[in-house]
């Protein structure tokens, strides 16, 4: 499983530019340009796709896209 590619495929549904332009180590909101509502929708898609649940208390720990990918890898293992 290529978690990064799968996550970026999901993210692509929520941004208006190619995800290849995103720096995954940059702050998530600045890199992806999504608002809070879109972020929650995207997280729901991530949960469905990877078969995991992400508690709201964990969402605040996601500073970068790499943080989200690392979290998914740990939870989906």
Protein backbone atom coordinates (compact mmCIF):
# COMPACT_ATOMS: atom_id res chain seq x y z
CA UNK A 1 0.00 0.00 0.00
CA UNK A 2 1.29 3.43 -0.95
CA UNK A 3 -0.36 5.56 1.70
CA UNK A 4 1.03 8.84 0.39
CA UNK A 5 -0.28 8.26 -3.15
CA UNK A 6 -3.67 7.08 -1.88
CA UNK A 7 -3.98 10.09 0.43
CA UNK A 8 -3.00 12.51 -2.34
CA UNK A 9 -5.57 10.87 -4.62
CA UNK A 10 -8.24 11.61 -1.99
CA UNK A 11 -6.93 15.15 -1.46
CA UNK A 12 -7.12 15.79 -5.20
CA UNK A 13 -10.92 15.64 -4.91
CA UNK A 14 -10.81 18.63 -2.53
CA UNK A 15 -8.34 21.02 -4.19
CA UNK A 16 -8.46 22.92 -7.48
CA UNK A 17 -4.86 22.34 -8.54
CA UNK A 18 -2.61 19.31 -9.10
CA UNK A 19 -1.58 17.69 -5.81
CA UNK A 20 1.88 17.22 -7.30
CA UNK A 21 2.38 20.93 -6.61
CA UNK A 22 1.87 20.42 -2.86
CA UNK A 23 4.83 20.24 -0.51
CA UNK A 24 3.82 17.57 1.99
CA UNK A 25 6.12 18.99 4.67
CA UNK A 26 4.53 22.45 4.53
CA UNK A 27 1.73 23.49 6.90
CA UNK A 28 -1.36 21.63 5.73
CA UNK A 29 -3.80 24.50 5.43
CA UNK A 30 -1.30 26.66 3.52
CA UNK A 31 -0.16 23.78 1.29
CA UNK A 32 -3.61 22.44 0.45
CA UNK A 33 -5.61 25.63 0.80
CA UNK A 34 -8.68 23.97 2.30
CA UNK A 35 -11.00 25.48 4.86
CA UNK A 36 -12.25 23.72 8.00
CA UNK A 37 -15.42 22.39 6.39
CA UNK A 38 -13.54 20.86 3.45
CA UNK A 39 -10.92 19.48 5.85
CA UNK A 40 -13.61 17.59 7.81
CA UNK A 41 -15.13 16.22 4.59
CA UNK A 42 -11.69 15.10 3.44
CA UNK A 43 -10.98 13.40 6.77
CA UNK A 44 -14.27 11.52 6.45
CA UNK A 45 -13.17 10.28 3.03
CA UNK A 46 -9.80 9.26 4.47
CA UNK A 47 -11.52 7.31 7.25
CA UNK A 48 -13.75 5.50 4.77
CA UNK A 49 -10.94 4.74 2.33
CA UNK A 50 -8.45 3.43 4.91
CA UNK A 51 -11.00 1.85 7.26
CA UNK A 52 -9.86 3.87 10.26
CA UNK A 53 -11.44 6.34 12.65
CA UNK A 54 -9.69 9.58 13.51
CA UNK A 55 -10.92 11.15 16.76
CA UNK A 56 -11.47 14.90 16.70
CA UNK A 57 -8.83 15.26 19.41
CA UNK A 58 -6.22 13.87 16.98
CA UNK A 59 -7.14 16.29 14.18
CA UNK A 60 -5.41 19.18 15.94
CA UNK A 61 -2.11 17.28 15.83
CA UNK A 62 -2.03 17.39 12.01
CA UNK A 63 0.25 20.27 11.07
CA UNK A 64 1.47 18.97 7.70
CA UNK A 65 0.32 16.48 5.09
CA UNK A 66 3.22 14.28 6.17
CA UNK A 67 1.70 14.25 9.69
CA UNK A 68 -1.59 12.98 8.29
CA UNK A 69 0.11 10.34 6.15
CA UNK A 70 2.21 9.12 9.11
CA UNK A 71 -0.90 8.94 11.27
CA UNK A 72 -2.76 6.90 8.65
CA UNK A 73 0.18 4.50 8.29
CA UNK A 74 0.21 3.86 12.05
CA UNK A 75 -3.57 3.46 12.35
CA UNK A 76 -3.95 1.28 9.25
CA UNK A 77 -1.08 -1.06 10.23
